[in-house]
PDB file of all heavy atoms in Angstrom:
ATOM      1  N   ALA A   1     -31.032  -7.641 -45.633  1.00  0.00           N
ATOM      2  CA  ALA A   1     -30.282  -7.893 -44.427  1.00  0.00           C
ATOM      3  C   ALA A   1     -31.035  -7.437 -43.099  1.00  0.00           C
ATOM      4  O   ALA A   1     -31.725  -6.572 -43.138  1.00  0.00           O
ATOM      5  CB  ALA A   1     -28.867  -7.268 -44.411  1.00  0.00           C
ATOM      6  N   GLN A   2     -30.771  -8.237 -42.018  1.00  0.00           N
ATOM      7  CA  GLN A   2     -31.353  -7.995 -40.698  1.00  0.00           C
ATOM      8  C   GLN A   2     -30.243  -7.784 -39.670  1.00  0.00           C
ATOM      9  O   GLN A   2     -30.145  -8.609 -38.763  1.00  0.00           O
ATOM     10  CB  GLN A   2     -32.365  -8.980 -40.284  1.00  0.00           C
ATOM     11  CG  GLN A   2     -33.633  -9.199 -41.226  1.00  0.00           C
ATOM     12  CD  GLN A   2     -34.548  -8.063 -41.149  1.00  0.00           C
ATOM     13  OE1 GLN A   2     -34.692  -7.524 -40.131  1.00  0.00           O
ATOM     14  NE2 GLN A   2     -35.162  -7.603 -42.240  1.00  0.00           N
ATOM     15  N   LEU A   3     -29.406  -6.805 -39.933  1.00  0.00           N
ATOM     16  CA  LEU A   3     -28.285  -6.712 -39.058  1.00  0.00           C
ATOM     17  C   LEU A   3     -28.566  -6.251 -37.736  1.00  0.00           C
ATOM     18  O   LEU A   3     -27.697  -6.183 -36.737  1.00  0.00           O
ATOM     19  CB  LEU A   3     -27.170  -5.805 -39.736  1.00  0.00           C
ATOM     20  CG  LEU A   3     -26.711  -6.261 -41.031  1.00  0.00           C
ATOM     21  CD1 LEU A   3     -25.681  -5.215 -41.664  1.00  0.00           C
ATOM     22  CD2 LEU A   3     -25.742  -7.551 -40.908  1.00  0.00           C
ATOM     23  N   TYR A   4     -29.738  -5.633 -37.608  1.00  0.00           N
ATOM     24  CA  TYR A   4     -30.153  -4.938 -36.243  1.00  0.00           C
ATOM     25  C   TYR A   4     -30.897  -5.700 -35.323  1.00  0.00           C
ATOM     26  O   TYR A   4     -31.657  -5.165 -34.400  1.00  0.00           O
ATOM     27  CB  TYR A   4     -30.872  -3.681 -36.704  1.00  0.00           C
ATOM     28  CG  TYR A   4     -31.592  -3.755 -37.982  1.00  0.00           C
ATOM     29  CD1 TYR A   4     -32.708  -4.453 -38.202  1.00  0.00           C
ATOM     30  CD2 TYR A   4     -30.912  -3.183 -39.112  1.00  0.00           C
ATOM     31  CE1 TYR A   4     -33.389  -4.609 -39.455  1.00  0.00           C
ATOM     32  CE2 TYR A   4     -31.585  -3.336 -40.455  1.00  0.00           C
ATOM     33  CZ  TYR A   4     -32.674  -3.959 -40.490  1.00  0.00           C
ATOM     34  OH  TYR A   4     -33.388  -4.190 -41.776  1.00  0.00           O
ATOM     35  N   GLY A   5     -30.862  -7.059 -35.491  1.00  0.00           N
ATOM     36  CA  GLY A   5     -31.452  -8.025 -34.542  1.00  0.00           C
ATOM     37  C   GLY A   5     -32.990  -8.199 -34.759  1.00  0.00           C
ATOM     38  O   GLY A   5     -33.327  -8.383 -36.014  1.00  0.00           O
ATOM     39  N   ASN A   6     -33.859  -8.244 -33.897  1.00  0.00           N
ATOM     40  CA  ASN A   6     -35.197  -8.531 -33.891  1.00  0.00           C
ATOM     41  C   ASN A   6     -36.141  -7.444 -34.216  1.00  0.00           C
ATOM     42  O   ASN A   6     -37.357  -7.632 -34.065  1.00  0.00           O
ATOM     43  CB  ASN A   6     -35.759  -9.185 -32.665  1.00  0.00           C
ATOM     44  CG  ASN A   6     -34.980 -10.536 -32.464  1.00  0.00           C
ATOM     45  OD1 ASN A   6     -34.594 -11.304 -33.435  1.00  0.00           O
ATOM     46  ND2 ASN A   6     -34.639 -10.796 -31.163  1.00  0.00           N
ATOM     47  N   VAL A   7     -35.609  -6.222 -34.474  1.00  0.00           N
ATOM     48  CA  VAL A   7     -36.436  -5.073 -34.809  1.00  0.00           C
ATOM     49  C   VAL A   7     -37.026  -5.264 -36.224  1.00  0.00           C
ATOM     50  O   VAL A   7     -36.368  -5.427 -37.189  1.00  0.00           O
ATOM     51  CB  VAL A   7     -35.590  -3.815 -34.913  1.00  0.00           C
ATOM     52  CG1 VAL A   7     -36.522  -2.645 -35.043  1.00  0.00           C
ATOM     53  CG2 VAL A   7     -34.888  -3.625 -33.468  1.00  0.00           C
ATOM     54  N   GLU A   8     -38.423  -5.364 -36.137  1.00  0.00           N
ATOM     55  CA  GLU A   8     -38.999  -5.669 -37.424  1.00  0.00           C
ATOM     56  C   GLU A   8     -38.984  -4.719 -38.544  1.00  0.00           C
ATOM     57  O   GLU A   8     -38.553  -4.870 -39.675  1.00  0.00           O
ATOM     58  CB  GLU A   8     -40.579  -6.051 -37.192  1.00  0.00           C
ATOM     59  CG  GLU A   8     -41.162  -6.634 -38.368  1.00  0.00           C
ATOM     60  CD  GLU A   8     -42.569  -7.222 -38.067  1.00  0.00           C
ATOM     61  OE1 GLU A   8     -42.831  -7.556 -36.779  1.00  0.00           O
ATOM     62  OE2 GLU A   8     -43.330  -7.228 -39.020  1.00  0.00           O
ATOM     63  N   LYS A   9     -39.244  -3.473 -38.195  1.00  0.00           N
ATOM     64  CA  LYS A   9     -39.203  -2.208 -38.994  1.00  0.00           C
ATOM     65  C   LYS A   9     -38.371  -1.148 -38.466  1.00  0.00           C
ATOM     66  O   LYS A   9     -38.990  -0.200 -37.971  1.00  0.00           O
ATOM     67  CB  LYS A   9     -40.577  -1.764 -39.531  1.00  0.00           C
ATOM     68  CG  LYS A   9     -41.244  -2.772 -40.377  1.00  0.00           C
ATOM     69  CD  LYS A   9     -42.547  -2.284 -40.902  1.00  0.00           C
ATOM     70  CE  LYS A   9     -43.321  -3.230 -41.833  1.00  0.00           C
ATOM     71  NZ  LYS A   9     -44.579  -2.580 -42.359  1.00  0.00           N
ATOM     72  N   PRO A  10     -37.067  -1.269 -38.533  1.00  0.00           N
ATOM     73  CA  PRO A  10     -36.308  -0.130 -37.904  1.00  0.00           C
ATOM     74  C   PRO A  10     -36.441   1.177 -38.633  1.00  0.00           C
ATOM     75  O   PRO A  10     -36.549   1.173 -39.891  1.00  0.00           O
ATOM     76  CB  PRO A  10     -34.811  -0.766 -37.883  1.00  0.00           C
ATOM     77  CG  PRO A  10     -34.902  -1.620 -39.149  1.00  0.00           C
ATOM     78  CD  PRO A  10     -36.188  -2.154 -39.212  1.00  0.00           C
ATOM     79  N   ILE A  11     -36.367   2.221 -37.747  1.00  0.00           N
ATOM     80  CA  ILE A  11     -36.301   3.519 -38.425  1.00  0.00           C
ATOM     81  C   ILE A  11     -34.979   3.649 -39.148  1.00  0.00           C
ATOM     82  O   ILE A  11     -33.964   3.463 -38.600  1.00  0.00           O
ATOM     83  CB  ILE A  11     -36.554   4.689 -37.379  1.00  0.00           C
ATOM     84  CG1 ILE A  11     -37.789   4.500 -36.687  1.00  0.00           C
ATOM     85  CG2 ILE A  11     -36.354   6.098 -37.909  1.00  0.00           C
ATOM     86  CD1 ILE A  11     -37.923   5.283 -35.321  1.00  0.00           C
ATOM     87  N   GLY A  12     -35.053   4.246 -40.389  1.00  0.00           N
ATOM     88  CA  GLY A  12     -33.796   4.301 -41.120  1.00  0.00           C
ATOM     89  C   GLY A  12     -33.647   5.633 -41.965  1.00  0.00           C
ATOM     90  O   GLY A  12     -34.327   6.583 -41.766  1.00  0.00           O
ATOM     91  N   LEU A  13     -32.845   5.552 -43.023  1.00  0.00           N
ATOM     92  CA  LEU A  13     -32.519   6.605 -43.800  1.00  0.00           C
ATOM     93  C   LEU A  13     -33.732   7.240 -44.477  1.00  0.00           C
ATOM     94  O   LEU A  13     -33.878   8.345 -44.507  1.00  0.00           O
ATOM     95  CB  LEU A  13     -31.476   6.191 -44.818  1.00  0.00           C
ATOM     96  CG  LEU A  13     -30.996   7.228 -45.750  1.00  0.00           C
ATOM     97  CD1 LEU A  13     -30.235   8.392 -45.087  1.00  0.00           C
ATOM     98  CD2 LEU A  13     -30.008   6.693 -46.806  1.00  0.00           C
ATOM     99  N   SER A  14     -34.493   6.405 -45.100  1.00  0.00           N
ATOM    100  CA  SER A  14     -35.747   6.815 -45.898  1.00  0.00           C
ATOM    101  C   SER A  14     -36.711   7.624 -44.912  1.00  0.00           C
ATOM    102  O   SER A  14     -37.398   8.558 -45.284  1.00  0.00           O
ATOM    103  CB  SER A  14     -36.373   5.662 -46.581  1.00  0.00           C
ATOM    104  OG  SER A  14     -36.892   4.775 -45.688  1.00  0.00           O
ATOM    105  N   ASP A  15     -36.796   7.001 -43.628  1.00  0.00           N
ATOM    106  CA  ASP A  15     -37.773   7.607 -42.643  1.00  0.00           C
ATOM    107  C   ASP A  15     -37.194   9.118 -42.410  1.00  0.00           C
ATOM    108  O   ASP A  15     -38.007  10.012 -42.220  1.00  0.00           O
ATOM    109  CB  ASP A  15     -37.926   6.832 -41.501  1.00  0.00           C
ATOM    110  CG  ASP A  15     -38.419   5.324 -41.837  1.00  0.00           C
ATOM    111  OD1 ASP A  15     -39.495   5.161 -42.176  1.00  0.00           O
ATOM    112  OD2 ASP A  15     -37.504   4.412 -41.659  1.00  0.00           O
ATOM    113  N   TYR A  16     -35.871   9.139 -42.137  1.00  0.00           N
ATOM    114  CA  TYR A  16     -35.357  10.382 -41.720  1.00  0.00           C
ATOM    115  C   TYR A  16     -35.487  11.456 -42.714  1.00  0.00           C
ATOM    116  O   TYR A  16     -35.848  12.626 -42.463  1.00  0.00           O
ATOM    117  CB  TYR A  16     -33.806  10.201 -41.333  1.00  0.00           C
ATOM    118  CG  TYR A  16     -32.998  11.301 -41.118  1.00  0.00           C
ATOM    119  CD1 TYR A  16     -33.167  12.051 -39.938  1.00  0.00           C
ATOM    120  CD2 TYR A  16     -32.309  11.975 -42.041  1.00  0.00           C
ATOM    121  CE1 TYR A  16     -32.371  13.171 -39.661  1.00  0.00           C
ATOM    122  CE2 TYR A  16     -31.486  13.236 -41.949  1.00  0.00           C
ATOM    123  CZ  TYR A  16     -31.503  13.729 -40.678  1.00  0.00           C
ATOM    124  OH  TYR A  16     -30.996  14.944 -40.359  1.00  0.00           O
ATOM    125  N   ILE A  17     -35.248  11.077 -44.072  1.00  0.00           N
ATOM    126  CA  ILE A  17     -35.440  12.037 -45.194  1.00  0.00           C
ATOM    127  C   ILE A  17     -36.852  12.353 -45.522  1.00  0.00           C
ATOM    128  O   ILE A  17     -37.210  13.514 -45.808  1.00  0.00           O
ATOM    129  CB  ILE A  17     -34.627  11.528 -46.426  1.00  0.00           C
ATOM    130  CG1 ILE A  17     -33.046  11.498 -46.148  1.00  0.00           C
ATOM    131  CG2 ILE A  17     -34.925  12.327 -47.698  1.00  0.00           C
ATOM    132  CD1 ILE A  17     -32.209  10.823 -47.141  1.00  0.00           C
ATOM    133  N   GLY A  18     -37.728  11.288 -45.605  1.00  0.00           N
ATOM    134  CA  GLY A  18     -39.086  11.416 -46.026  1.00  0.00           C
ATOM    135  C   GLY A  18     -39.986  11.986 -45.021  1.00  0.00           C
ATOM    136  O   GLY A  18     -40.945  12.679 -45.401  1.00  0.00           O
ATOM    137  N   LYS A  19     -39.849  11.794 -43.656  1.00  0.00           N
ATOM    138  CA  LYS A  19     -40.791  12.221 -42.737  1.00  0.00           C
ATOM    139  C   LYS A  19     -40.328  13.489 -41.937  1.00  0.00           C
ATOM    140  O   LYS A  19     -41.196  14.194 -41.462  1.00  0.00           O
ATOM    141  CB  LYS A  19     -41.180  11.009 -41.782  1.00  0.00           C
ATOM    142  CG  LYS A  19     -41.717   9.886 -42.523  1.00  0.00           C
ATOM    143  CD  LYS A  19     -42.067   8.798 -41.477  1.00  0.00           C
ATOM    144  CE  LYS A  19     -42.568   7.627 -42.146  1.00  0.00           C
ATOM    145  NZ  LYS A  19     -42.857   6.462 -41.143  1.00  0.00           N
ATOM    146  N   ASP A  20     -39.137  13.744 -41.887  1.00  0.00           N
ATOM    147  CA  ASP A  20     -38.499  14.914 -41.216  1.00  0.00           C
ATOM    148  C   ASP A  20     -38.957  14.941 -39.774  1.00  0.00           C
ATOM    149  O   ASP A  20     -39.096  16.050 -39.204  1.00  0.00           O
ATOM    150  CB  ASP A  20     -39.072  16.144 -41.960  1.00  0.00           C
ATOM    151  CG  ASP A  20     -38.262  17.407 -41.583  1.00  0.00           C
ATOM    152  OD1 ASP A  20     -37.064  17.162 -41.035  1.00  0.00           O
ATOM    153  OD2 ASP A  20     -38.651  18.496 -41.759  1.00  0.00           O
ATOM    154  N   ASP A  21     -39.123  13.682 -39.191  1.00  0.00           N
ATOM    155  CA  ASP A  21     -39.556  13.706 -37.764  1.00  0.00           C
ATOM    156  C   ASP A  21     -38.410  13.170 -36.754  1.00  0.00           C
ATOM    157  O   ASP A  21     -38.813  12.955 -35.593  1.00  0.00           O
ATOM    158  CB  ASP A  21     -40.808  12.850 -37.483  1.00  0.00           C
ATOM    159  CG  ASP A  21     -42.021  13.454 -38.231  1.00  0.00           C
ATOM    160  OD1 ASP A  21     -42.084  14.774 -38.262  1.00  0.00           O
ATOM    161  OD2 ASP A  21     -42.954  12.640 -38.653  1.00  0.00           O
ATOM    162  N   TYR A  22     -37.391  12.685 -37.380  1.00  0.00           N
ATOM    163  CA  TYR A  22     -36.355  12.062 -36.520  1.00  0.00           C
ATOM    164  C   TYR A  22     -35.017  12.638 -36.480  1.00  0.00           C
ATOM    165  O   TYR A  22     -34.693  13.411 -37.391  1.00  0.00           O
ATOM    166  CB  TYR A  22     -36.252  10.563 -37.194  1.00  0.00           C
ATOM    167  CG  TYR A  22     -37.384   9.810 -37.235  1.00  0.00           C
ATOM    168  CD1 TYR A  22     -38.069   9.611 -38.502  1.00  0.00           C
ATOM    169  CD2 TYR A  22     -37.905   9.193 -36.090  1.00  0.00           C
ATOM    170  CE1 TYR A  22     -39.210   8.896 -38.649  1.00  0.00           C
ATOM    171  CE2 TYR A  22     -39.193   8.460 -36.204  1.00  0.00           C
ATOM    172  CZ  TYR A  22     -39.741   8.301 -37.479  1.00  0.00           C
ATOM    173  OH  TYR A  22     -40.884   7.578 -37.644  1.00  0.00           O
ATOM    174  N   GLN A  23     -34.219  12.410 -35.345  1.00  0.00           N
ATOM    175  CA  GLN A  23     -32.955  12.799 -35.153  1.00  0.00           C
ATOM    176  C   GLN A  23     -31.998  11.781 -35.887  1.00  0.00           C
ATOM    177  O   GLN A  23     -32.434  10.576 -35.835  1.00  0.00           O
ATOM    178  CB  GLN A  23     -32.577  13.081 -33.772  1.00  0.00           C
ATOM    179  CG  GLN A  23     -33.502  14.214 -33.085  1.00  0.00           C
ATOM    180  CD  GLN A  23     -33.203  15.551 -33.686  1.00  0.00           C
ATOM    181  OE1 GLN A  23     -32.157  15.869 -33.992  1.00  0.00           O
ATOM    182  NE2 GLN A  23     -34.363  16.315 -34.055  1.00  0.00           N
ATOM    183  N   VAL A  24     -30.828  12.143 -36.182  1.00  0.00           N
ATOM    184  CA  VAL A  24     -29.852  11.189 -36.747  1.00  0.00           C
ATOM    185  C   VAL A  24     -29.567  10.082 -35.766  1.00  0.00           C
ATOM    186  O   VAL A  24     -29.461   8.882 -36.126  1.00  0.00           O
ATOM    187  CB  VAL A  24     -28.515  11.781 -37.084  1.00  0.00           C
ATOM    188  CG1 VAL A  24     -27.423  10.845 -37.551  1.00  0.00           C
ATOM    189  CG2 VAL A  24     -28.734  12.809 -38.276  1.00  0.00           C
ATOM    190  N   ALA A  25     -29.497  10.402 -34.420  1.00  0.00           N
ATOM    191  CA  ALA A  25     -29.238   9.389 -33.435  1.00  0.00           C
ATOM    192  C   ALA A  25     -30.164   8.294 -33.398  1.00  0.00           C
ATOM    193  O   ALA A  25     -29.849   7.119 -33.013  1.00  0.00           O
ATOM    194  CB  ALA A  25     -29.090   9.996 -32.001  1.00  0.00           C
ATOM    195  N   THR A  26     -31.388   8.586 -33.771  1.00  0.00           N
ATOM    196  CA  THR A  26     -32.546   7.562 -33.683  1.00  0.00           C
ATOM    197  C   THR A  26     -32.452   6.504 -34.884  1.00  0.00           C
ATOM    198  O   THR A  26     -33.191   5.601 -34.920  1.00  0.00           O
ATOM    199  CB  THR A  26     -33.865   8.255 -33.802  1.00  0.00           C
ATOM    200  OG1 THR A  26     -34.107   8.948 -35.071  1.00  0.00           O
ATOM    201  CG2 THR A  26     -34.017   9.173 -32.631  1.00  0.00           C
ATOM    202  N   ILE A  27     -31.664   6.851 -35.944  1.00  0.00           N
ATOM    203  CA  ILE A  27     -31.570   5.931 -37.015  1.00  0.00           C
ATOM    204  C   ILE A  27     -30.251   5.259 -37.054  1.00  0.00           C
ATOM    205  O   ILE A  27     -30.111   4.338 -37.994  1.00  0.00           O
ATOM    206  CB  ILE A  27     -31.789   6.729 -38.440  1.00  0.00           C
ATOM    207  CG1 ILE A  27     -30.656   7.714 -38.737  1.00  0.00           C
ATOM    208  CG2 ILE A  27     -33.175   7.448 -38.429  1.00  0.00           C
ATOM    209  CD1 ILE A  27     -30.621   8.409 -40.076  1.00  0.00           C
ATOM    210  N   ILE A  28     -29.396   5.344 -36.147  1.00  0.00           N
ATOM    211  CA  ILE A  28     -28.187   4.611 -36.106  1.00  0.00           C
ATOM    212  C   ILE A  28     -28.454   3.485 -35.037  1.00  0.00           C
ATOM    213  O   ILE A  28     -28.594   3.634 -33.923  1.00  0.00           O
ATOM    214  CB  ILE A  28     -26.936   5.490 -35.615  1.00  0.00           C
ATOM    215  CG1 ILE A  28     -26.793   6.613 -36.470  1.00  0.00           C
ATOM    216  CG2 ILE A  28     -25.703   4.702 -35.389  1.00  0.00           C
ATOM    217  CD1 ILE A  28     -25.623   7.505 -36.131  1.00  0.00           C
ATOM    218  N   HIS A  29     -28.390   2.293 -35.590  1.00  0.00           N
ATOM    219  CA  HIS A  29     -28.709   1.040 -34.804  1.00  0.00           C
ATOM    220  C   HIS A  29     -27.389   0.195 -34.559  1.00  0.00           C
ATOM    221  O   HIS A  29     -26.545  -0.011 -35.566  1.00  0.00           O
ATOM    222  CB  HIS A  29     -29.643   0.081 -35.550  1.00  0.00           C
ATOM    223  CG  HIS A  29     -30.999   1.041 -35.927  1.00  0.00           C
ATOM    224  ND1 HIS A  29     -32.046   0.927 -34.842  1.00  0.00           N
ATOM    225  CD2 HIS A  29     -31.363   1.682 -36.825  1.00  0.00           C
ATOM    226  CE1 HIS A  29     -32.965   1.679 -35.347  1.00  0.00           C
ATOM    227  NE2 HIS A  29     -32.628   2.205 -36.553  1.00  0.00           N
ATOM    228  N   PRO A  30     -27.342  -0.455 -33.359  1.00  0.00           N
ATOM    229  CA  PRO A  30     -26.229  -1.375 -33.167  1.00  0.00           C
ATOM    230  C   PRO A  30     -26.518  -2.616 -33.970  1.00  0.00           C
ATOM    231  O   PRO A  30     -27.621  -2.912 -34.435  1.00  0.00           O
ATOM    232  CB  PRO A  30     -26.352  -1.705 -31.745  1.00  0.00           C
ATOM    233  CG  PRO A  30     -27.781  -1.456 -31.339  1.00  0.00           C
ATOM    234  CD  PRO A  30     -28.135  -0.346 -32.213  1.00  0.00           C
ATOM    235  N   THR A  31     -25.606  -3.404 -34.273  1.00  0.00           N
ATOM    236  CA  THR A  31     -25.663  -4.701 -35.009  1.00  0.00           C
ATOM    237  C   THR A  31     -25.254  -5.872 -34.130  1.00  0.00           C
ATOM    238  O   THR A  31     -24.683  -5.624 -33.002  1.00  0.00           O
ATOM    239  CB  THR A  31     -24.930  -4.617 -36.372  1.00  0.00           C
ATOM    240  OG1 THR A  31     -23.505  -4.785 -36.001  1.00  0.00           O
ATOM    241  CG2 THR A  31     -25.186  -3.441 -37.132  1.00  0.00           C
ATOM    242  N   GLY A  32     -25.375  -6.971 -34.723  1.00  0.00           N
ATOM    243  CA  GLY A  32     -24.776  -8.218 -33.920  1.00  0.00           C
ATOM    244  C   GLY A  32     -23.369  -8.419 -34.004  1.00  0.00           C
ATOM    245  O   GLY A  32     -22.867  -9.409 -33.626  1.00  0.00           O
ATOM    246  N   ILE A  33     -22.664  -7.398 -34.645  1.00  0.00           N
ATOM    247  CA  ILE A  33     -21.280  -7.492 -34.941  1.00  0.00           C
ATOM    248  C   ILE A  33     -20.607  -6.394 -34.111  1.00  0.00           C
ATOM    249  O   ILE A  33     -20.984  -5.240 -34.198  1.00  0.00           O
ATOM    250  CB  ILE A  33     -20.866  -7.346 -36.456  1.00  0.00           C
ATOM    251  CG1 ILE A  33     -21.550  -8.302 -37.169  1.00  0.00           C
ATOM    252  CG2 ILE A  33     -19.382  -7.238 -36.667  1.00  0.00           C
ATOM    253  CD1 ILE A  33     -21.491  -8.110 -38.727  1.00  0.00           C
ATOM    254  N   PRO A  34     -19.775  -6.785 -33.076  1.00  0.00           N
ATOM    255  CA  PRO A  34     -19.232  -5.686 -32.123  1.00  0.00           C
ATOM    256  C   PRO A  34     -18.478  -4.616 -32.950  1.00  0.00           C
ATOM    257  O   PRO A  34     -17.743  -4.778 -34.036  1.00  0.00           O
ATOM    258  CB  PRO A  34     -18.139  -6.581 -31.487  1.00  0.00           C
ATOM    259  CG  PRO A  34     -18.740  -7.968 -31.412  1.00  0.00           C
ATOM    260  CD  PRO A  34     -19.337  -8.076 -32.719  1.00  0.00           C
ATOM    261  N   ARG A  35     -18.675  -3.343 -32.521  1.00  0.00           N
ATOM    262  CA  ARG A  35     -18.259  -2.049 -33.021  1.00  0.00           C
ATOM    263  C   ARG A  35     -18.711  -1.729 -34.449  1.00  0.00           C
ATOM    264  O   ARG A  35     -18.209  -0.801 -35.062  1.00  0.00           O
ATOM    265  CB  ARG A  35     -16.558  -2.231 -33.140  1.00  0.00           C
ATOM    266  CG  ARG A  35     -15.933  -2.500 -31.691  1.00  0.00           C
ATOM    267  CD  ARG A  35     -14.381  -2.722 -31.868  1.00  0.00           C
ATOM    268  NE  ARG A  35     -14.142  -3.869 -32.559  1.00  0.00           N
ATOM    269  CZ  ARG A  35     -14.251  -5.147 -31.997  1.00  0.00           C
ATOM    270  NH1 ARG A  35     -14.594  -5.198 -30.671  1.00  0.00           N
ATOM    271  NH2 ARG A  35     -13.972  -6.190 -32.661  1.00  0.00           N
ATOM    272  N   MET A  36     -19.713  -2.433 -34.814  1.00  0.00           N
ATOM    273  CA  MET A  36     -20.231  -2.023 -36.098  1.00  0.00           C
ATOM    274  C   MET A  36     -21.842  -1.601 -35.964  1.00  0.00           C
ATOM    275  O   MET A  36     -22.440  -2.113 -35.249  1.00  0.00           O
ATOM    276  CB  MET A  36     -20.359  -3.286 -37.028  1.00  0.00           C
ATOM    277  CG  MET A  36     -21.135  -2.999 -38.430  1.00  0.00           C
ATOM    278  SD  MET A  36     -21.050  -4.551 -39.503  1.00  0.00           S
ATOM    279  CE  MET A  36     -22.332  -4.035 -40.782  1.00  0.00           C
ATOM    280  N   ARG A  37     -22.048  -0.377 -36.523  1.00  0.00           N
ATOM    281  CA  ARG A  37     -23.402   0.193 -36.520  1.00  0.00           C
ATOM    282  C   ARG A  37     -23.844   0.336 -38.014  1.00  0.00           C
ATOM    283  O   ARG A  37     -23.125   0.189 -38.923  1.00  0.00           O
ATOM    284  CB  ARG A  37     -23.299   1.690 -35.869  1.00  0.00           C
ATOM    285  CG  ARG A  37     -22.763   1.671 -34.471  1.00  0.00           C
ATOM    286  CD  ARG A  37     -23.845   1.011 -33.529  1.00  0.00           C
ATOM    287  NE  ARG A  37     -23.560   1.204 -32.127  1.00  0.00           N
ATOM    288  CZ  ARG A  37     -23.014   0.208 -31.368  1.00  0.00           C
ATOM    289  NH1 ARG A  37     -22.653  -0.946 -31.989  1.00  0.00           N
ATOM    290  NH2 ARG A  37     -22.934   0.272 -30.067  1.00  0.00           N
ATOM    291  N   VAL A  38     -25.247   0.438 -38.022  1.00  0.00           N
ATOM    292  CA  VAL A  38     -25.824   0.511 -39.319  1.00  0.00           C
ATOM    293  C   VAL A  38     -26.969   1.577 -39.353  1.00  0.00           C
ATOM    294  O   VAL A  38     -27.773   1.681 -38.295  1.00  0.00           O
ATOM    295  CB  VAL A  38     -26.458  -0.839 -39.734  1.00  0.00           C
ATOM    296  CG1 VAL A  38     -27.535  -1.301 -38.800  1.00  0.00           C
ATOM    297  CG2 VAL A  38     -27.072  -0.936 -41.144  1.00  0.00           C
ATOM    298  N   ILE A  39     -27.143   2.309 -40.541  1.00  0.00           N
ATOM    299  CA  ILE A  39     -28.194   3.159 -40.714  1.00  0.00           C
ATOM    300  C   ILE A  39     -28.992   2.302 -41.871  1.00  0.00           C
ATOM    301  O   ILE A  39     -28.576   2.346 -42.912  1.00  0.00           O
ATOM    302  CB  ILE A  39     -27.795   4.476 -41.147  1.00  0.00           C
ATOM    303  CG1 ILE A  39     -27.124   5.203 -40.108  1.00  0.00           C
ATOM    304  CG2 ILE A  39     -29.183   5.244 -41.575  1.00  0.00           C
ATOM    305  CD1 ILE A  39     -26.848   6.715 -40.563  1.00  0.00           C
ATOM    306  N   PRO A  40     -30.026   1.581 -41.455  1.00  0.00           N
ATOM    307  CA  PRO A  40     -30.796   0.833 -42.439  1.00  0.00           C
ATOM    308  C   PRO A  40     -31.609   1.765 -43.420  1.00  0.00           C
ATOM    309  O   PRO A  40     -31.771   2.949 -43.168  1.00  0.00           O
ATOM    310  CB  PRO A  40     -31.775   0.081 -41.598  1.00  0.00           C
ATOM    311  CG  PRO A  40     -31.879   0.801 -40.297  1.00  0.00           C
ATOM    312  CD  PRO A  40     -30.631   1.404 -40.169  1.00  0.00           C
ATOM    313  N   PHE A  41     -31.933   1.115 -44.472  1.00  0.00           N
ATOM    314  CA  PHE A  41     -32.700   2.044 -45.454  1.00  0.00           C
ATOM    315  C   PHE A  41     -34.025   2.536 -44.878  1.00  0.00           C
ATOM    316  O   PHE A  41     -34.378   3.678 -45.104  1.00  0.00           O
ATOM    317  CB  PHE A  41     -32.910   1.272 -46.832  1.00  0.00           C
ATOM    318  CG  PHE A  41     -33.736   2.055 -47.682  1.00  0.00           C
ATOM    319  CD1 PHE A  41     -32.997   3.129 -48.431  1.00  0.00           C
ATOM    320  CD2 PHE A  41     -34.991   2.064 -47.936  1.00  0.00           C
ATOM    321  CE1 PHE A  41     -33.673   3.913 -49.420  1.00  0.00           C
ATOM    322  CE2 PHE A  41     -35.690   2.916 -48.800  1.00  0.00           C
ATOM    323  CZ  PHE A  41     -35.005   3.900 -49.436  1.00  0.00           C
ATOM    324  N   GLY A  42     -34.642   1.779 -44.096  1.00  0.00           N
ATOM    325  CA  GLY A  42     -35.973   2.143 -43.457  1.00  0.00           C
ATOM    326  C   GLY A  42     -37.122   1.650 -44.054  1.00  0.00           C
ATOM    327  O   GLY A  42     -37.055   0.946 -45.067  1.00  0.00           O
ATOM    328  N   SER A  43     -38.278   2.069 -43.633  1.00  0.00           N
ATOM    329  CA  SER A  43     -39.634   1.467 -44.134  1.00  0.00           C
ATOM    330  C   SER A  43     -40.417   2.452 -44.904  1.00  0.00           C
ATOM    331  O   SER A  43     -41.406   2.143 -45.517  1.00  0.00           O
ATOM    332  CB  SER A  43     -40.478   1.064 -42.879  1.00  0.00           C
ATOM    333  OG  SER A  43     -40.592   2.083 -42.035  1.00  0.00           O
TER     334      SER A  43
END
C-alpha cells in the first residue's frame, strides 16, 4: 500500500527500531484519507 502519497520510501517502524536514529513523530505519516494516519513498515 502507498497510503502516504508520493513519498517513495517513507521512514517507518523498521527504521525506527533498526537504526535508533528517529523520533516517533517522524514515522507517523498523514494519508490521503482524512483523520487517518499511518506508521508504514519502512525501508
